[in-house]
């Protein structure tokens, strides 16, 4: 017999009007690497004016790569974030989990933006490598632009969803 599963409520931090970040408890602050805690704090509170803090977060020749950008150096990284604030409405990050081992860290997050259709959430992960001074020397974001972005757009969406169905394993097993 098939079992129905009730949809779960959205994560409280993803609801409209939610705080920009979760409060760090004493137990959490003892567990999180201080370098990663500094990055989380910066990302969860990022504003156009806070971009002046980038030199304390990223090394001078740091690299930054995501599905739409690949840049090197503080001025170029600053441009990526400035562009984000210029082109998107109320962008913000909500960090879900972190893991740091040695000079590498992984952070999972939701990137929230306001759209006329409502708030969109893009789920992703970041792999960081720290320089000896504790700043980021390599930043790589992983998220799926086809599913998280293109499939939601009015013109591209139907084509992307059709392609996804066509390429899925369940489509090939029914042939």
C-alpha atoms as a PDB file:
ATOM      1  CA  UNK A   1       0.000   0.000   0.000  1.00  0.00           C
ATOM      2  CA  UNK A   2       1.365   3.426  -0.927  1.00  0.00           C
ATOM      3  CA  UNK A   3       2.112   5.709   1.955  1.00  0.00           C
ATOM      4  CA  UNK A   4       1.473   9.419   1.636  1.00  0.00           C
ATOM      5  CA  UNK A   5       3.974  11.776   3.104  1.00  0.00           C
ATOM      6  CA  UNK A   6       2.830  15.105   4.437  1.00  0.00           C
ATOM      7  CA  UNK A   7       4.874  17.969   2.999  1.00  0.00           C
ATOM      8  CA  UNK A   8       7.236  19.288   5.598  1.00  0.00           C
ATOM      9  CA  UNK A   9       7.096  22.901   6.653  1.00  0.00           C
ATOM     10  CA  UNK A  10       9.776  25.092   5.122  1.00  0.00           C
ATOM     11  CA  UNK A  11      12.886  25.668   7.163  1.00  0.00           C
ATOM     12  CA  UNK A  12      12.089  28.572   9.548  1.00  0.00           C
ATOM     13  CA  UNK A  13      15.015  30.598   8.191  1.00  0.00           C
ATOM     14  CA  UNK A  14      13.573  30.397   4.675  1.00  0.00           C
ATOM     15  CA  UNK A  15      10.189  31.908   5.547  1.00  0.00           C
ATOM     16  CA  UNK A  16       9.484  35.529   4.574  1.00  0.00           C
ATOM     17  CA  UNK A  17      10.455  37.862   7.390  1.00  0.00           C
ATOM     18  CA  UNK A  18      12.854  35.316   8.890  1.00  0.00           C
ATOM     19  CA  UNK A  19      16.028  36.588  10.535  1.00  0.00           C
ATOM     20  CA  UNK A  20      18.982  36.983   8.219  1.00  0.00           C
ATOM     21  CA  UNK A  21      20.876  34.288  10.131  1.00  0.00           C
ATOM     22  CA  UNK A  22      20.509  31.778  12.885  1.00  0.00           C
ATOM     23  CA  UNK A  23      21.858  32.736  16.259  1.00  0.00           C
ATOM     24  CA  UNK A  24      25.145  31.037  17.026  1.00  0.00           C
ATOM     25  CA  UNK A  25      24.891  29.274  20.348  1.00  0.00           C
ATOM     26  CA  UNK A  26      27.887  28.819  22.609  1.00  0.00           C
ATOM     27  CA  UNK A  27      28.030  25.127  21.662  1.00  0.00           C
ATOM     28  CA  UNK A  28      28.024  25.968  17.947  1.00  0.00           C
ATOM     29  CA  UNK A  29      30.676  28.645  18.306  1.00  0.00           C
ATOM     30  CA  UNK A  30      32.962  26.129  20.051  1.00  0.00           C
ATOM     31  CA  UNK A  31      32.555  23.648  17.199  1.00  0.00           C
ATOM     32  CA  UNK A  32      33.003  25.899  14.182  1.00  0.00           C
ATOM     33  CA  UNK A  33      36.470  26.773  12.936  1.00  0.00           C
ATOM     34  CA  UNK A  34      37.098  30.513  13.504  1.00  0.00           C
ATOM     35  CA  UNK A  35      38.022  31.063   9.837  1.00  0.00           C
ATOM     36  CA  UNK A  36      34.794  29.456   8.695  1.00  0.00           C
ATOM     37  CA  UNK A  37      32.780  31.307  11.361  1.00  0.00           C
ATOM     38  CA  UNK A  38      34.156  34.597   9.991  1.00  0.00           C
ATOM     39  CA  UNK A  39      33.129  33.632   6.434  1.00  0.00           C
ATOM     40  CA  UNK A  40      29.632  32.580   7.573  1.00  0.00           C
ATOM     41  CA  UNK A  41      29.200  35.829   9.501  1.00  0.00           C
ATOM     42  CA  UNK A  42      30.256  37.851   6.442  1.00  0.00           C
ATOM     43  CA  UNK A  43      27.996  35.996   3.996  1.00  0.00           C
ATOM     44  CA  UNK A  44      24.911  35.998   6.199  1.00  0.00           C
ATOM     45  CA  UNK A  45      25.217  39.768   6.775  1.00  0.00           C
ATOM     46  CA  UNK A  46      26.558  40.822   3.374  1.00  0.00           C
ATOM     47  CA  UNK A  47      25.366  44.192   2.072  1.00  0.00           C
ATOM     48  CA  UNK A  48      26.738  46.496  -0.608  1.00  0.00           C
ATOM     49  CA  UNK A  49      28.499  48.541   2.089  1.00  0.00           C
ATOM     50  CA  UNK A  50      30.033  45.455   3.756  1.00  0.00           C
ATOM     51  CA  UNK A  51      31.965  44.645   0.562  1.00  0.00           C
ATOM     52  CA  UNK A  52      34.713  46.882   1.969  1.00  0.00           C
ATOM     53  CA  UNK A  53      35.436  43.949   4.335  1.00  0.00           C
ATOM     54  CA  UNK A  54      36.444  41.629   1.458  1.00  0.00           C
ATOM     55  CA  UNK A  55      40.222  42.155   2.024  1.00  0.00           C
ATOM     56  CA  UNK A  56      39.830  40.601   5.477  1.00  0.00           C
ATOM     57  CA  UNK A  57      37.996  37.578   4.011  1.00  0.00           C
ATOM     58  CA  UNK A  58      39.788  36.906   0.703  1.00  0.00           C
ATOM     59  CA  UNK A  59      43.525  36.825  -0.087  1.00  0.00           C
ATOM     60  CA  UNK A  60      44.704  39.418  -2.638  1.00  0.00           C
ATOM     61  CA  UNK A  61      44.988  36.870  -5.479  1.00  0.00           C
ATOM     62  CA  UNK A  62      42.117  34.599  -4.411  1.00  0.00           C
ATOM     63  CA  UNK A  63      40.136  32.739  -7.056  1.00  0.00           C
ATOM     64  CA  UNK A  64      36.340  32.625  -7.161  1.00  0.00           C
ATOM     65  CA  UNK A  65      34.367  30.263  -9.387  1.00  0.00           C
ATOM     66  CA  UNK A  66      30.674  29.504  -9.653  1.00  0.00           C
ATOM     67  CA  UNK A  67      28.488  28.381 -12.592  1.00  0.00           C
ATOM     68  CA  UNK A  68      28.434  31.920 -14.043  1.00  0.00           C
ATOM     69  CA  UNK A  69      31.717  33.544 -12.935  1.00  0.00           C
ATOM     70  CA  UNK A  70      35.384  32.663 -12.839  1.00  0.00           C
ATOM     71  CA  UNK A  71      37.626  35.442 -11.526  1.00  0.00           C
ATOM     72  CA  UNK A  72      40.927  36.065  -9.745  1.00  0.00           C
ATOM     73  CA  UNK A  73      41.848  38.844  -7.334  1.00  0.00           C
ATOM     74  CA  UNK A  74      40.023  41.083  -4.887  1.00  0.00           C
ATOM     75  CA  UNK A  75      38.855  43.695  -7.424  1.00  0.00           C
ATOM     76  CA  UNK A  76      37.246  41.001  -9.594  1.00  0.00           C
ATOM     77  CA  UNK A  77      35.601  39.293  -6.589  1.00  0.00           C
ATOM     78  CA  UNK A  78      34.288  42.686  -5.479  1.00  0.00           C
ATOM     79  CA  UNK A  79      32.806  43.149  -8.969  1.00  0.00           C
ATOM     80  CA  UNK A  80      30.979  39.788  -8.751  1.00  0.00           C
ATOM     81  CA  UNK A  81      29.285  40.761  -5.482  1.00  0.00           C
ATOM     82  CA  UNK A  82      28.597  44.357  -6.570  1.00  0.00           C
ATOM     83  CA  UNK A  83      26.903  43.000  -9.683  1.00  0.00           C
ATOM     84  CA  UNK A  84      24.818  40.652  -7.518  1.00  0.00           C
ATOM     85  CA  UNK A  85      23.491  43.593  -5.488  1.00  0.00           C
ATOM     86  CA  UNK A  86      22.916  45.733  -8.600  1.00  0.00           C
ATOM     87  CA  UNK A  87      20.927  43.090 -10.505  1.00  0.00           C
ATOM     88  CA  UNK A  88      19.027  41.141  -7.815  1.00  0.00           C
ATOM     89  CA  UNK A  89      16.405  42.222  -5.303  1.00  0.00           C
ATOM     90  CA  UNK A  90      17.346  41.675  -1.657  1.00  0.00           C
ATOM     91  CA  UNK A  91      19.838  38.821  -2.150  1.00  0.00           C
ATOM     92  CA  UNK A  92      20.884  37.024   1.012  1.00  0.00           C
ATOM     93  CA  UNK A  93      22.553  33.799   2.105  1.00  0.00           C
ATOM     94  CA  UNK A  94      21.334  31.430   4.799  1.00  0.00           C
ATOM     95  CA  UNK A  95      24.071  29.008   5.831  1.00  0.00           C
ATOM     96  CA  UNK A  96      22.795  25.542   6.657  1.00  0.00           C
ATOM     97  CA  UNK A  97      25.931  23.540   7.535  1.00  0.00           C
ATOM     98  CA  UNK A  98      29.689  23.896   7.704  1.00  0.00           C
ATOM     99  CA  UNK A  99      32.565  21.452   7.875  1.00  0.00           C
ATOM    100  CA  UNK A 100      36.216  22.426   8.196  1.00  0.00           C
ATOM    101  CA  UNK A 101      39.191  20.092   8.100  1.00  0.00           C
ATOM    102  CA  UNK A 102      42.702  21.461   7.936  1.00  0.00           C
ATOM    103  CA  UNK A 103      42.814  24.294   5.416  1.00  0.00           C
ATOM    104  CA  UNK A 104      39.593  23.315   3.622  1.00  0.00           C
ATOM    105  CA  UNK A 105      35.965  24.004   4.405  1.00  0.00           C
ATOM    106  CA  UNK A 106      32.572  23.093   2.968  1.00  0.00           C
ATOM    107  CA  UNK A 107      29.526  25.266   3.492  1.00  0.00           C
ATOM    108  CA  UNK A 108      25.989  24.421   2.387  1.00  0.00           C
ATOM    109  CA  UNK A 109      23.607  27.317   1.920  1.00  0.00           C
ATOM    110  CA  UNK A 110      20.427  28.676   0.431  1.00  0.00           C
ATOM    111  CA  UNK A 111      20.679  31.840  -1.620  1.00  0.00           C
ATOM    112  CA  UNK A 112      17.439  33.803  -1.406  1.00  0.00           C
ATOM    113  CA  UNK A 113      16.280  36.485  -3.827  1.00  0.00           C
ATOM    114  CA  UNK A 114      13.025  38.361  -4.203  1.00  0.00           C
ATOM    115  CA  UNK A 115      11.180  37.920  -7.500  1.00  0.00           C
ATOM    116  CA  UNK A 116       7.775  39.246  -8.599  1.00  0.00           C
ATOM    117  CA  UNK A 117       6.526  35.634  -8.288  1.00  0.00           C
ATOM    118  CA  UNK A 118       7.790  35.442  -4.699  1.00  0.00           C
ATOM    119  CA  UNK A 119      11.040  34.505  -3.019  1.00  0.00           C
ATOM    120  CA  UNK A 120      13.322  32.079  -4.844  1.00  0.00           C
ATOM    121  CA  UNK A 121      15.755  29.828  -3.042  1.00  0.00           C
ATOM    122  CA  UNK A 122      18.820  28.415  -4.759  1.00  0.00           C
ATOM    123  CA  UNK A 123      20.484  25.599  -2.843  1.00  0.00           C
ATOM    124  CA  UNK A 124      24.227  25.180  -3.150  1.00  0.00           C
ATOM    125  CA  UNK A 125      27.542  24.380  -1.548  1.00  0.00           C
ATOM    126  CA  UNK A 126      30.881  26.143  -1.343  1.00  0.00           C
ATOM    127  CA  UNK A 127      34.328  24.581  -1.139  1.00  0.00           C
ATOM    128  CA  UNK A 128      36.927  26.898   0.395  1.00  0.00           C
ATOM    129  CA  UNK A 129      40.687  26.627   0.706  1.00  0.00           C
ATOM    130  CA  UNK A 130      42.359  28.895   3.231  1.00  0.00           C
ATOM    131  CA  UNK A 131      45.715  30.623   2.880  1.00  0.00           C
ATOM    132  CA  UNK A 132      48.238  30.498   5.726  1.00  0.00           C
ATOM    133  CA  UNK A 133      46.924  33.825   7.055  1.00  0.00           C
ATOM    134  CA  UNK A 134      43.378  32.379   7.350  1.00  0.00           C
ATOM    135  CA  UNK A 135      41.880  34.249   4.411  1.00  0.00           C
ATOM    136  CA  UNK A 136      40.250  32.456   1.481  1.00  0.00           C
ATOM    137  CA  UNK A 137      42.626  31.667  -1.363  1.00  0.00           C
ATOM    138  CA  UNK A 138      40.211  29.516  -3.385  1.00  0.00           C
ATOM    139  CA  UNK A 139      36.405  29.691  -3.457  1.00  0.00           C
ATOM    140  CA  UNK A 140      34.330  27.302  -5.572  1.00  0.00           C
ATOM    141  CA  UNK A 141      30.530  27.307  -5.551  1.00  0.00           C
ATOM    142  CA  UNK A 142      28.501  24.312  -6.658  1.00  0.00           C
ATOM    143  CA  UNK A 143      24.853  24.727  -7.603  1.00  0.00           C
ATOM    144  CA  UNK A 144      22.697  23.545 -10.473  1.00  0.00           C
ATOM    145  CA  UNK A 145      21.785  26.493 -12.729  1.00  0.00           C
ATOM    146  CA  UNK A 146      19.506  24.344 -14.919  1.00  0.00           C
ATOM    147  CA  UNK A 147      17.252  23.189 -12.077  1.00  0.00           C
ATOM    148  CA  UNK A 148      17.723  26.056  -9.634  1.00  0.00           C
ATOM    149  CA  UNK A 149      17.467  28.911 -12.153  1.00  0.00           C
ATOM    150  CA  UNK A 150      16.808  28.209 -15.843  1.00  0.00           C
ATOM    151  CA  UNK A 151      13.879  25.813 -15.243  1.00  0.00           C
ATOM    152  CA  UNK A 152      12.056  28.622 -13.398  1.00  0.00           C
ATOM    153  CA  UNK A 153      12.291  31.135 -16.233  1.00  0.00           C
ATOM    154  CA  UNK A 154       9.185  31.591 -18.413  1.00  0.00           C
ATOM    155  CA  UNK A 155      10.815  31.069 -21.830  1.00  0.00           C
ATOM    156  CA  UNK A 156      13.611  28.611 -20.981  1.00  0.00           C
ATOM    157  CA  UNK A 157      11.763  26.746 -18.212  1.00  0.00           C
ATOM    158  CA  UNK A 158       9.566  24.447 -20.332  1.00  0.00           C
ATOM    159  CA  UNK A 159      12.513  23.458 -22.535  1.00  0.00           C
ATOM    160  CA  UNK A 160      14.792  22.776 -19.557  1.00  0.00           C
ATOM    161  CA  UNK A 161      12.112  20.711 -17.788  1.00  0.00           C
ATOM    162  CA  UNK A 162      11.422  18.743 -21.004  1.00  0.00           C
ATOM    163  CA  UNK A 163      15.149  18.064 -21.468  1.00  0.00           C
ATOM    164  CA  UNK A 164      15.490  16.995 -17.836  1.00  0.00           C
ATOM    165  CA  UNK A 165      12.591  14.542 -18.174  1.00  0.00           C
ATOM    166  CA  UNK A 166      14.029  13.251 -21.454  1.00  0.00           C
ATOM    167  CA  UNK A 167      17.491  12.655 -19.980  1.00  0.00           C
ATOM    168  CA  UNK A 168      16.347  11.160 -16.681  1.00  0.00           C
ATOM    169  CA  UNK A 169      16.899   7.475 -15.945  1.00  0.00           C
ATOM    170  CA  UNK A 170      13.162   6.900 -15.498  1.00  0.00           C
ATOM    171  CA  UNK A 171      12.530   8.149 -19.071  1.00  0.00           C
ATOM    172  CA  UNK A 172      15.062   5.708 -20.550  1.00  0.00           C
ATOM    173  CA  UNK A 173      13.730   2.745 -18.526  1.00  0.00           C
ATOM    174  CA  UNK A 174      10.209   3.253 -19.925  1.00  0.00           C
ATOM    175  CA  UNK A 175      11.395   2.912 -23.544  1.00  0.00           C
END
